[in-house]
Amino acid sequence: MEAISLPMQLVVSAGAKAAMPPLRRILSNSPDLAEPLNFLAEAEIGAGHYKEAESAAREMVLVQTGKAAATDRCFGASHLLWAQALAGQHRHKEALPHAQIADRPLAMNAVSPGVKAKTANAHRLLVDLQGRVATK
């Protein structure tokens, strides 16, 4: 997959933010809200807006908690985004538990190239965070 340029990430981020209020009204606390939040968090991370990405990822986890199994790949993806957002803010110790949670469900039955890539990214982040936390 080709990387999106920073100017395009900023456009995507702005568009995703603008779409969220009506989606929140329509979907309320449905786990279906996790999908647009996923796009928002990814765009914010890509644009370097880690605080905003953290907020979106946290909300993703909240709307899925109790409605999606802890082993669900979507739940793992939500925690991966949360870990990435925290790591982007150099909050490595806080990011580590989310990376650990993400690593397990993402690795289960990873078959497609996209899922395998996300799984590899999640594991790389976990190993990086473990090293950073251990050296402090």
Protein backbone atom coordinates (compact mmCIF):
# COMPACT_ATOMS: atom_id res chain seq x y z
CA MET A 1 0.00 0.00 0.00
CA GLU A 2 1.30 3.43 -0.94
CA ALA A 3 1.83 6.05 1.76
CA ILE A 4 -0.40 9.12 1.65
CA SER A 5 1.37 12.49 1.62
CA LEU A 6 1.11 14.77 4.64
CA PRO A 7 -1.04 17.38 2.80
CA MET A 8 -3.47 14.60 1.83
CA GLN A 9 -3.43 13.24 5.42
CA LEU A 10 -4.45 16.71 6.64
CA VAL A 11 -7.33 16.80 4.14
CA VAL A 12 -8.45 13.31 5.16
CA SER A 13 -8.18 14.25 8.83
CA ALA A 14 -10.31 17.38 8.34
CA GLY A 15 -12.92 15.44 6.36
CA ALA A 16 -13.09 12.65 8.92
CA LYS A 17 -13.49 15.17 11.75
CA ALA A 18 -16.32 16.91 9.91
CA ALA A 19 -18.14 13.62 9.37
CA MET A 20 -18.05 12.53 13.01
CA PRO A 21 -20.86 14.66 14.60
CA PRO A 22 -23.63 13.30 12.32
CA LEU A 23 -22.23 9.78 12.58
CA ARG A 24 -22.23 10.03 16.38
CA ARG A 25 -25.88 11.12 16.31
CA ILE A 26 -26.85 8.26 13.99
CA LEU A 27 -24.76 5.47 15.52
CA SER A 28 -24.70 6.65 19.15
CA ASN A 29 -22.76 4.05 21.16
CA SER A 30 -23.06 1.30 18.58
CA PRO A 31 -19.92 -0.72 17.90
CA ASP A 32 -20.49 0.32 14.26
CA LEU A 33 -19.11 3.73 15.25
CA ALA A 34 -15.70 2.05 15.54
CA GLU A 35 -15.25 1.97 11.77
CA PRO A 36 -15.40 5.74 11.13
CA LEU A 37 -13.38 6.29 14.32
CA ASN A 38 -10.77 3.93 12.88
CA PHE A 39 -10.45 6.09 9.76
CA LEU A 40 -10.27 9.23 11.89
CA ALA A 41 -7.58 7.78 14.17
CA GLU A 42 -5.53 6.55 11.20
CA ALA A 43 -5.76 9.96 9.51
CA GLU A 44 -4.79 11.77 12.71
CA ILE A 45 -1.78 9.49 13.23
CA GLY A 46 -0.75 10.01 9.62
CA ALA A 47 -1.00 13.78 10.08
CA GLY A 48 0.95 13.67 13.35
CA HIS A 49 -2.07 14.69 15.45
CA TYR A 50 -1.45 12.13 18.17
CA LYS A 51 -3.66 13.64 20.89
CA GLU A 52 -6.66 13.62 18.52
CA ALA A 53 -5.80 10.07 17.43
CA GLU A 54 -5.64 9.01 21.07
CA SER A 55 -9.11 10.40 21.66
CA ALA A 56 -10.56 8.61 18.62
CA ALA A 57 -8.86 5.31 19.52
CA ARG A 58 -10.05 5.55 23.12
CA GLU A 59 -13.61 6.08 21.90
CA MET A 60 -13.23 3.10 19.54
CA VAL A 61 -12.33 0.86 22.45
CA LEU A 62 -15.18 2.24 24.56
CA VAL A 63 -17.86 1.57 21.91
CA GLN A 64 -16.54 -1.97 21.41
CA THR A 65 -16.07 -2.92 25.07
CA GLY A 66 -18.70 -5.43 26.13
CA LYS A 67 -20.00 -5.70 22.54
CA ALA A 68 -17.01 -7.24 20.77
CA ALA A 69 -14.95 -10.14 22.02
CA ALA A 70 -11.53 -9.27 23.40
CA THR A 71 -10.12 -11.66 20.79
CA ASP A 72 -11.85 -9.83 17.90
CA ARG A 73 -9.41 -8.46 15.33
CA CYS A 74 -11.29 -5.11 15.30
CA PHE A 75 -10.72 -4.77 19.03
CA GLY A 76 -7.04 -5.48 18.46
CA ALA A 77 -6.89 -2.82 15.73
CA SER A 78 -8.45 -0.29 18.09
CA HIS A 79 -5.81 -0.95 20.72
CA LEU A 80 -3.08 -0.80 18.07
CA LEU A 81 -4.21 2.71 17.08
CA TRP A 82 -4.35 3.73 20.75
CA ALA A 83 -0.82 2.41 21.27
CA GLN A 84 0.42 4.23 18.16
CA ALA A 85 -1.17 7.48 19.31
CA LEU A 86 0.41 7.21 22.75
CA ALA A 87 3.78 6.21 21.30
CA GLY A 88 3.60 9.23 19.00
CA GLN A 89 3.38 11.36 22.14
CA HIS A 90 6.37 9.52 23.64
CA ARG A 91 4.11 8.00 26.32
CA HIS A 92 5.69 4.59 25.87
CA LYS A 93 4.81 3.10 29.24
CA GLU A 94 1.11 3.93 28.70
CA ALA A 95 1.24 2.60 25.13
CA LEU A 96 2.71 -0.79 26.08
CA PRO A 97 -0.46 -2.44 27.50
CA HIS A 98 -2.43 -1.41 24.39
CA ALA A 99 0.27 -2.84 22.13
CA GLN A 100 0.19 -6.09 24.13
CA ILE A 101 -3.61 -6.29 23.79
CA ALA A 102 -3.38 -5.56 20.04
CA ASP A 103 -0.68 -8.13 19.32
CA ARG A 104 -2.72 -11.21 20.26
CA PRO A 105 -5.97 -10.82 18.28
CA LEU A 106 -4.27 -9.35 15.23
CA ALA A 107 -1.96 -12.36 14.96
CA MET A 108 -4.84 -14.85 15.04
CA ASN A 109 -5.68 -16.22 11.58
CA ALA A 110 -3.88 -13.43 9.72
CA VAL A 111 -4.27 -14.53 6.10
CA SER A 112 -4.58 -11.53 3.76
CA PRO A 113 -1.54 -9.38 2.94
CA GLY A 114 -3.16 -6.33 4.58
CA VAL A 115 -3.87 -8.16 7.83
CA LYS A 116 -0.40 -9.71 7.81
CA ALA A 117 1.13 -6.24 7.40
CA LYS A 118 -0.97 -4.83 10.24
CA THR A 119 0.01 -7.81 12.40
CA ALA A 120 3.69 -7.23 11.65
CA ASN A 121 3.34 -3.51 12.44
CA ALA A 122 1.61 -4.32 15.73
CA HIS A 123 4.34 -6.75 16.74
CA ARG A 124 7.13 -4.32 15.75
CA LEU A 125 5.49 -1.62 17.86
CA LEU A 126 5.16 -4.02 20.81
CA VAL A 127 8.85 -5.01 20.63
CA ASP A 128 9.90 -1.36 20.28
CA LEU A 129 7.82 -0.30 23.27
CA GLN A 130 9.10 -3.19 25.39
CA GLY A 131 12.66 -2.09 24.64
CA ARG A 132 11.93 1.56 25.40
CA VAL A 133 10.16 0.79 28.68
CA ALA A 134 12.85 -1.67 29.79
CA THR A 135 15.64 0.88 29.31
CA LYS A 136 13.95 3.51 31.51
